[in-house]
Amino acid sequence: MAIRVTEAKKGMVIRMDGDLYQIMRYDHLTPGNLRAIHHLNLKNLKNGRQKEVRMKTSDQLDLVFLDSRDSQYLFKDSLGYTFMDNDNFEQFVLSAEVIGDTMQYITENSTVTVVFCEGEALTVQLPPTVVLTIVATEDAARGDTVSSVQKPAKCNTGLEIKVPAHIKKGEKVKVSTETGEFMGKA
C-alpha cells in the first residue's frame, strides 16, 4: 500500500529498493523560501544498517503490514538467537546485527513478541519493563542509606544498571526497556 511521505511516522515499516526498512526518525524541513524536504532516517531490518534519505512532498512510500506473534527465546549459537513460535512450535533464528542491544533484556525461556513480514521474522518487540536478577553488585557502605546513592549492578543477561544502595545480589528488579534504568524491586 502506497502512502505519501507526509503521512510517514516513526516506527513504520516500508519497502524501498526491495528491502524492508523501519523509520527511526522523520523530520519535515522547510528551509526558508524553498520547497519542503522530508528527511527520513531508516534502519534496514535484514542487516541492521542505517541510512538517511531525503524526499520531496510528492514522493510515495510503500507501506508494509506486519504480523506479531508470541515466541519463546530458546538459546544462542553461532547462527544467532533461536526463538520458537508459541502457536505452531516452529523455530527461527534472528541474527545479532538485527536484534542489537535488545537481547540484554531477554532471558532464556522468556516469552517475547516477534514481528514477522511475509512469513519471515524481522525483529523483537520488548515489553515496557522486564524482571531481571542481580548477579553482581557491591555491598552498601554503612551510612550511605540516608541519601539516594546509586551503585552499579550487573544483571543475569549481562546488562549493567545503577541500583539503590539497599539492593543485594540475587534480588529481582524491574528494568525499563526504553531507558535501561532501575524501576523498582520485583
Protein backbone atom coordinates (compact mmCIF):
# COMPACT_ATOMS: atom_id res chain seq x y z
CA MET A 1 0.00 0.00 0.00
CA ALA A 2 1.46 3.34 -1.05
CA ILE A 3 1.25 6.38 1.22
CA ARG A 4 2.50 9.92 0.78
CA VAL A 5 5.77 10.76 2.50
CA THR A 6 3.91 13.40 4.57
CA GLU A 7 1.99 10.55 6.29
CA ALA A 8 5.18 8.81 7.47
CA LYS A 9 5.65 8.25 11.20
CA LYS A 10 8.45 6.93 13.38
CA GLY A 11 8.22 3.12 13.73
CA MET A 12 6.50 2.44 10.39
CA VAL A 13 7.99 -0.28 8.17
CA ILE A 14 8.39 0.47 4.46
CA ARG A 15 9.77 -1.32 1.42
CA MET A 16 12.43 0.60 -0.51
CA ASP A 17 14.73 -0.79 -3.22
CA GLY A 18 13.50 -4.32 -2.46
CA ASP A 19 14.50 -4.21 1.24
CA LEU A 20 12.45 -3.60 4.37
CA TYR A 21 13.26 -0.51 6.43
CA GLN A 22 11.92 0.82 9.72
CA ILE A 23 11.58 4.59 10.04
CA MET A 24 13.75 5.54 13.01
CA ARG A 25 13.36 9.33 12.65
CA TYR A 26 11.21 11.57 10.46
CA ASP A 27 11.86 15.30 10.02
CA HIS A 28 9.83 17.77 7.92
CA LEU A 29 12.13 20.64 6.94
CA THR A 30 11.13 23.90 5.26
CA PRO A 31 14.35 25.80 4.58
CA GLY A 32 13.42 29.47 4.12
CA ASN A 33 11.90 30.19 0.73
CA LEU A 34 12.47 26.71 -0.70
CA ARG A 35 10.22 23.67 -1.05
CA ALA A 36 9.69 21.31 1.87
CA ILE A 37 12.14 18.43 2.36
CA HIS A 38 11.30 15.23 4.21
CA HIS A 39 14.31 13.71 5.91
CA LEU A 40 13.99 10.01 6.88
CA ASN A 41 16.44 8.01 8.98
CA LEU A 42 15.87 4.35 8.01
CA LYS A 43 17.11 1.08 9.56
CA ASN A 44 17.42 -1.98 7.32
CA LEU A 45 15.58 -4.84 9.03
CA LYS A 46 17.74 -7.54 7.37
CA ASN A 47 21.22 -6.36 8.31
CA GLY A 48 20.64 -3.53 10.83
CA ARG A 49 22.42 -0.85 8.75
CA GLN A 50 21.06 2.67 8.82
CA LYS A 51 20.73 5.19 6.02
CA GLU A 52 19.32 8.64 5.57
CA VAL A 53 17.03 9.60 2.71
CA ARG A 54 15.73 12.99 1.54
CA MET A 55 12.40 13.02 -0.25
CA LYS A 56 10.05 15.55 -1.86
CA THR A 57 6.47 16.06 -0.72
CA SER A 58 5.15 14.37 -3.86
CA ASP A 59 7.11 11.13 -3.25
CA GLN A 60 5.35 7.90 -2.22
CA LEU A 61 6.36 5.23 0.32
CA ASP A 62 5.44 1.54 0.05
CA LEU A 63 3.98 0.70 3.48
CA VAL A 64 4.34 -2.90 4.70
CA PHE A 65 1.92 -4.61 7.09
CA LEU A 66 3.42 -6.69 9.87
CA ASP A 67 2.29 -9.72 11.86
CA SER A 68 3.18 -10.12 15.55
CA ARG A 69 3.45 -13.49 17.30
CA ASP A 70 4.30 -14.51 20.84
CA SER A 71 7.51 -16.55 20.81
CA GLN A 72 9.84 -18.09 23.35
CA TYR A 73 13.59 -17.36 23.37
CA LEU A 74 15.44 -20.69 23.43
CA PHE A 75 19.22 -20.25 23.03
CA LYS A 76 22.10 -18.51 21.27
CA ASP A 77 24.51 -20.22 18.89
CA SER A 78 26.88 -19.25 16.05
CA LEU A 79 23.93 -18.50 13.70
CA GLY A 80 22.23 -16.10 16.10
CA TYR A 81 19.36 -16.18 18.58
CA THR A 82 16.85 -19.03 18.25
CA PHE A 83 13.16 -18.46 19.03
CA MET A 84 10.12 -20.77 18.92
CA ASP A 85 6.63 -19.69 17.86
CA ASN A 86 4.23 -20.48 20.74
CA ASP A 87 1.35 -21.38 18.38
CA ASN A 88 2.90 -23.78 15.86
CA PHE A 89 6.22 -24.60 17.65
CA GLU A 90 8.24 -23.59 14.56
CA GLN A 91 11.80 -22.44 15.32
CA PHE A 92 13.56 -19.50 13.63
CA VAL A 93 16.81 -17.59 14.06
CA LEU A 94 17.39 -13.83 14.32
CA SER A 95 20.92 -12.51 13.79
CA ALA A 96 22.76 -10.42 16.37
CA GLU A 97 23.05 -7.50 13.89
CA VAL A 98 19.28 -7.24 13.53
CA ILE A 99 18.40 -7.63 17.21
CA GLY A 100 21.17 -5.40 18.53
CA ASP A 101 21.03 -4.49 22.23
CA THR A 102 17.52 -5.85 22.86
CA MET A 103 18.91 -9.22 23.98
CA GLN A 104 20.20 -7.54 27.15
CA TYR A 105 16.56 -7.52 28.33
CA ILE A 106 15.62 -11.09 27.34
CA THR A 107 16.34 -14.15 29.49
CA GLU A 108 16.29 -17.76 28.28
CA ASN A 109 12.82 -19.33 28.08
CA SER A 110 11.10 -15.94 28.34
CA THR A 111 8.20 -15.05 26.05
CA VAL A 112 8.54 -12.01 23.74
CA THR A 113 6.66 -10.62 20.74
CA VAL A 114 8.40 -11.26 17.42
CA VAL A 115 7.45 -9.20 14.36
CA PHE A 116 7.00 -11.06 11.05
CA CYS A 117 6.61 -9.82 7.48
CA GLU A 118 5.52 -12.23 4.75
CA GLY A 119 6.36 -15.21 6.98
CA GLU A 120 9.89 -14.04 7.81
CA ALA A 121 10.94 -12.99 11.34
CA LEU A 122 12.24 -9.42 11.42
CA THR A 123 12.74 -8.15 14.95
CA VAL A 124 11.71 -8.43 18.61
CA GLN A 125 9.32 -6.08 20.41
CA LEU A 126 10.05 -5.70 24.10
CA PRO A 127 7.50 -5.01 26.84
CA PRO A 128 7.89 -1.65 28.67
CA THR A 129 9.55 -3.33 31.67
CA VAL A 130 11.26 -6.67 32.33
CA VAL A 131 12.22 -8.50 35.52
CA LEU A 132 15.93 -9.35 35.81
CA THR A 133 18.05 -10.88 38.59
CA ILE A 134 21.06 -9.05 40.04
CA VAL A 135 24.12 -11.34 39.79
CA ALA A 136 26.88 -8.93 40.90
CA THR A 137 26.90 -5.74 42.94
CA GLU A 138 28.88 -4.15 45.74
CA ASP A 139 27.63 -4.19 49.31
CA ALA A 140 26.31 -0.89 50.62
CA ALA A 141 28.68 1.10 52.82
CA ARG A 142 27.39 1.88 56.28
CA GLY A 143 25.83 5.34 56.37
CA ASP A 144 25.14 5.56 52.62
CA THR A 145 21.47 4.65 53.07
CA VAL A 146 20.48 8.17 54.18
CA SER A 147 20.83 9.72 50.71
CA SER A 148 19.78 8.24 47.40
CA VAL A 149 23.14 6.71 46.49
CA GLN A 150 23.24 4.61 43.32
CA LYS A 151 25.70 1.78 42.76
CA PRO A 152 26.49 -0.28 39.66
CA ALA A 153 24.96 -3.75 39.34
CA LYS A 154 25.17 -6.50 36.74
CA CYS A 155 22.02 -8.43 35.72
CA ASN A 156 21.74 -12.08 34.67
CA THR A 157 21.58 -11.04 30.98
CA GLY A 158 24.80 -9.01 31.14
CA LEU A 159 23.06 -5.63 31.35
CA GLU A 160 24.71 -3.16 33.72
CA ILE A 161 22.43 -0.74 35.55
CA LYS A 162 22.52 1.64 38.52
CA VAL A 163 20.52 0.49 41.56
CA PRO A 164 19.88 1.95 45.04
CA ALA A 165 22.31 1.00 47.79
CA HIS A 166 19.88 -1.43 49.52
CA ILE A 167 19.66 -3.81 46.51
CA LYS A 168 21.68 -7.00 47.06
CA LYS A 169 22.96 -9.83 44.88
CA GLY A 170 20.23 -12.34 43.96
CA GLU A 171 17.31 -9.88 44.15
CA LYS A 172 14.87 -9.48 41.27
CA VAL A 173 14.40 -5.95 39.91
CA LYS A 174 12.20 -4.27 37.29
CA VAL A 175 14.14 -2.54 34.49
CA SER A 176 12.75 -0.15 31.86
CA THR A 177 13.46 -1.45 28.31
CA GLU A 178 13.25 2.07 26.87
CA THR A 179 15.81 3.76 29.13
CA GLY A 180 17.64 0.81 30.73
CA GLU A 181 17.04 2.23 34.19
CA PHE A 182 16.08 0.61 37.51
CA MET A 183 12.30 0.89 38.12
CA GLY A 184 11.96 -0.90 41.46
CA LYS A 185 12.01 -4.32 43.14
CA ALA A 186 10.01 -7.10 41.52
